[in-house]
Amino acid sequence: MRRHEGDRTAALLSLRPYAELLASASQVIREGVADPGFLQDCVPWLNALTLWGAALTTCLDALERRPAGAALDTGPPWSYDHETQKVPAENQPAPMCLCVRGGT
């Protein structure tokens, strides 16, 4: 892989094919494996591979939309309200759900 020092757009564009390859690889592998037992053993890894590809693609999408030079964290600093013993709503992390089907 070539380095694109100082050329953010080129660097992001050069990573995109790898992200797409990761995202689609598990389907290609599933379709090409003749041994059902081996395929069953691989299911958790193939599911993870799909998620890794999707995560990399999502990160690239976010980086492409982020203005060059913008700070990574522009939100309020993390804080804790000692009186209520809670993290204020504006500092709560976004809810996430990561579901893998077919895995063990």
C-alpha atoms as a PDB file:
ATOM      1  CA  MET A   1       0.000   0.000   0.000  1.00  0.00           C
ATOM      2  CA  ARG A   2       1.301   3.462  -0.867  1.00  0.00           C
ATOM      3  CA  ARG A   3       1.567   6.241   1.636  1.00  0.00           C
ATOM      4  CA  HIS A   4      -0.453   9.347   0.897  1.00  0.00           C
ATOM      5  CA  GLU A   5       1.254  11.742   3.245  1.00  0.00           C
ATOM      6  CA  GLY A   6      -0.609  15.012   3.302  1.00  0.00           C
ATOM      7  CA  ASP A   7      -3.272  13.827   0.864  1.00  0.00           C
ATOM      8  CA  ARG A   8      -6.168  12.817   3.083  1.00  0.00           C
ATOM      9  CA  THR A   9      -8.589  12.239   0.204  1.00  0.00           C
ATOM     10  CA  ALA A  10      -6.197   9.935  -1.631  1.00  0.00           C
ATOM     11  CA  ALA A  11      -5.456   8.006   1.562  1.00  0.00           C
ATOM     12  CA  LEU A  12      -9.159   7.444   2.243  1.00  0.00           C
ATOM     13  CA  LEU A  13      -9.823   6.484  -1.370  1.00  0.00           C
ATOM     14  CA  SER A  14      -6.975   3.971  -1.314  1.00  0.00           C
ATOM     15  CA  LEU A  15      -8.448   2.252   1.757  1.00  0.00           C
ATOM     16  CA  ARG A  16     -11.976   1.950   0.360  1.00  0.00           C
ATOM     17  CA  PRO A  17     -11.330  -1.134  -1.852  1.00  0.00           C
ATOM     18  CA  TYR A  18      -9.851  -2.979   1.144  1.00  0.00           C
ATOM     19  CA  ALA A  19     -12.890  -2.159   3.268  1.00  0.00           C
ATOM     20  CA  GLU A  20     -15.225  -3.358   0.533  1.00  0.00           C
ATOM     21  CA  LEU A  21     -13.154  -6.522   0.095  1.00  0.00           C
ATOM     22  CA  LEU A  22     -13.406  -7.288   3.810  1.00  0.00           C
ATOM     23  CA  ALA A  23     -17.138  -6.573   3.847  1.00  0.00           C
ATOM     24  CA  SER A  24     -17.823  -8.956   0.956  1.00  0.00           C
ATOM     25  CA  ALA A  25     -15.224 -11.648   1.645  1.00  0.00           C
ATOM     26  CA  SER A  26     -17.342 -13.775   3.980  1.00  0.00           C
ATOM     27  CA  GLN A  27     -20.048 -14.210   1.355  1.00  0.00           C
ATOM     28  CA  VAL A  28     -17.475 -15.200  -1.262  1.00  0.00           C
ATOM     29  CA  ILE A  29     -15.941 -17.708   1.163  1.00  0.00           C
ATOM     30  CA  ARG A  30     -19.357 -19.137   2.134  1.00  0.00           C
ATOM     31  CA  GLU A  31     -20.223 -19.680  -1.525  1.00  0.00           C
ATOM     32  CA  GLY A  32     -16.872 -21.299  -2.299  1.00  0.00           C
ATOM     33  CA  VAL A  33     -16.493 -23.754   0.585  1.00  0.00           C
ATOM     34  CA  ALA A  34     -17.537 -27.316  -0.318  1.00  0.00           C
ATOM     35  CA  ASP A  35     -17.171 -28.868   3.161  1.00  0.00           C
ATOM     36  CA  PRO A  36     -20.279 -28.045   5.279  1.00  0.00           C
ATOM     37  CA  GLY A  37     -18.502 -29.011   8.515  1.00  0.00           C
ATOM     38  CA  PHE A  38     -15.611 -26.691   7.822  1.00  0.00           C
ATOM     39  CA  LEU A  39     -18.017 -23.934   6.877  1.00  0.00           C
ATOM     40  CA  GLN A  40     -19.936 -24.408  10.138  1.00  0.00           C
ATOM     41  CA  ASP A  41     -16.669 -24.128  12.085  1.00  0.00           C
ATOM     42  CA  CYS A  42     -15.897 -20.885  10.253  1.00  0.00           C
ATOM     43  CA  VAL A  43     -19.272 -19.188  10.824  1.00  0.00           C
ATOM     44  CA  PRO A  44     -18.173 -17.060  13.823  1.00  0.00           C
ATOM     45  CA  TRP A  45     -15.054 -15.914  11.960  1.00  0.00           C
ATOM     46  CA  LEU A  46     -16.986 -15.161   8.787  1.00  0.00           C
ATOM     47  CA  ASN A  47     -19.571 -13.187  10.741  1.00  0.00           C
ATOM     48  CA  ALA A  48     -16.782 -11.234  12.430  1.00  0.00           C
ATOM     49  CA  LEU A  49     -15.154 -10.582   9.058  1.00  0.00           C
ATOM     50  CA  THR A  50     -18.406  -9.081   7.787  1.00  0.00           C
ATOM     51  CA  LEU A  51     -18.582  -6.816  10.841  1.00  0.00           C
ATOM     52  CA  TRP A  52     -14.939  -5.748  10.483  1.00  0.00           C
ATOM     53  CA  GLY A  53     -15.528  -4.803   6.866  1.00  0.00           C
ATOM     54  CA  ALA A  54     -18.697  -2.901   7.758  1.00  0.00           C
ATOM     55  CA  ALA A  55     -16.906  -1.123  10.613  1.00  0.00           C
ATOM     56  CA  LEU A  56     -14.005  -0.081   8.383  1.00  0.00           C
ATOM     57  CA  THR A  57     -16.421   1.119   5.697  1.00  0.00           C
ATOM     58  CA  THR A  58     -18.375   3.116   8.296  1.00  0.00           C
ATOM     59  CA  CYS A  59     -15.162   4.667   9.626  1.00  0.00           C
ATOM     60  CA  LEU A  60     -14.092   5.652   6.130  1.00  0.00           C
ATOM     61  CA  ASP A  61     -17.527   7.182   5.497  1.00  0.00           C
ATOM     62  CA  ALA A  62     -17.232   9.188   8.715  1.00  0.00           C
ATOM     63  CA  LEU A  63     -13.692  10.341   7.931  1.00  0.00           C
ATOM     64  CA  GLU A  64     -14.708  11.402   4.425  1.00  0.00           C
ATOM     65  CA  ARG A  65     -17.534  13.518   5.852  1.00  0.00           C
ATOM     66  CA  ARG A  66     -15.397  15.050   8.615  1.00  0.00           C
ATOM     67  CA  PRO A  67     -13.915  18.374   7.577  1.00  0.00           C
ATOM     68  CA  ALA A  68     -10.142  18.284   7.177  1.00  0.00           C
ATOM     69  CA  GLY A  69      -8.439  19.497  10.329  1.00  0.00           C
ATOM     70  CA  ALA A  70     -11.552  19.174  12.503  1.00  0.00           C
ATOM     71  CA  ALA A  71     -11.002  17.926  16.039  1.00  0.00           C
ATOM     72  CA  LEU A  72     -11.946  14.301  16.596  1.00  0.00           C
ATOM     73  CA  ASP A  73     -13.915  15.084  19.757  1.00  0.00           C
ATOM     74  CA  THR A  74     -15.852  18.324  19.595  1.00  0.00           C
ATOM     75  CA  GLY A  75     -18.359  17.370  22.299  1.00  0.00           C
ATOM     76  CA  PRO A  76     -18.320  18.433  25.942  1.00  0.00           C
ATOM     77  CA  PRO A  77     -15.680  16.876  28.174  1.00  0.00           C
ATOM     78  CA  TRP A  78     -16.690  13.823  30.135  1.00  0.00           C
ATOM     79  CA  SER A  79     -18.174  14.708  33.475  1.00  0.00           C
ATOM     80  CA  TYR A  80     -19.868  13.074  36.429  1.00  0.00           C
ATOM     81  CA  ASP A  81     -22.560  14.698  38.567  1.00  0.00           C
ATOM     82  CA  HIS A  82     -21.600  13.766  42.127  1.00  0.00           C
ATOM     83  CA  GLU A  83     -24.940  14.974  43.498  1.00  0.00           C
ATOM     84  CA  THR A  84     -27.078  12.687  41.319  1.00  0.00           C
ATOM     85  CA  GLN A  85     -24.272  10.129  40.897  1.00  0.00           C
ATOM     86  CA  LYS A  86     -24.949   9.979  37.163  1.00  0.00           C
ATOM     87  CA  VAL A  87     -23.250  10.917  33.940  1.00  0.00           C
ATOM     88  CA  PRO A  88     -25.154  13.857  32.398  1.00  0.00           C
ATOM     89  CA  ALA A  89     -27.262  12.957  29.346  1.00  0.00           C
ATOM     90  CA  GLU A  90     -25.140  15.062  26.981  1.00  0.00           C
ATOM     91  CA  ASN A  91     -22.114  12.930  27.920  1.00  0.00           C
ATOM     92  CA  GLN A  92     -23.824   9.551  27.543  1.00  0.00           C
ATOM     93  CA  PRO A  93     -22.419   7.351  24.791  1.00  0.00           C
ATOM     94  CA  ALA A  94     -24.655   6.609  21.846  1.00  0.00           C
ATOM     95  CA  PRO A  95     -26.484   3.280  22.227  1.00  0.00           C
ATOM     96  CA  MET A  96     -25.052   0.441  20.177  1.00  0.00           C
ATOM     97  CA  CYS A  97     -26.186  -3.036  19.320  1.00  0.00           C
ATOM     98  CA  LEU A  98     -23.897  -5.526  17.681  1.00  0.00           C
ATOM     99  CA  CYS A  99     -25.700  -8.689  16.651  1.00  0.00           C
ATOM    100  CA  VAL A 100     -24.093 -11.671  14.979  1.00  0.00           C
ATOM    101  CA  ARG A 101     -26.445 -14.272  13.556  1.00  0.00           C
ATOM    102  CA  GLY A 102     -25.486 -17.862  13.041  1.00  0.00           C
ATOM    103  CA  GLY A 103     -22.557 -17.752  15.437  1.00  0.00           C
ATOM    104  CA  THR A 104     -22.049 -19.885  18.479  1.00  0.00           C
END
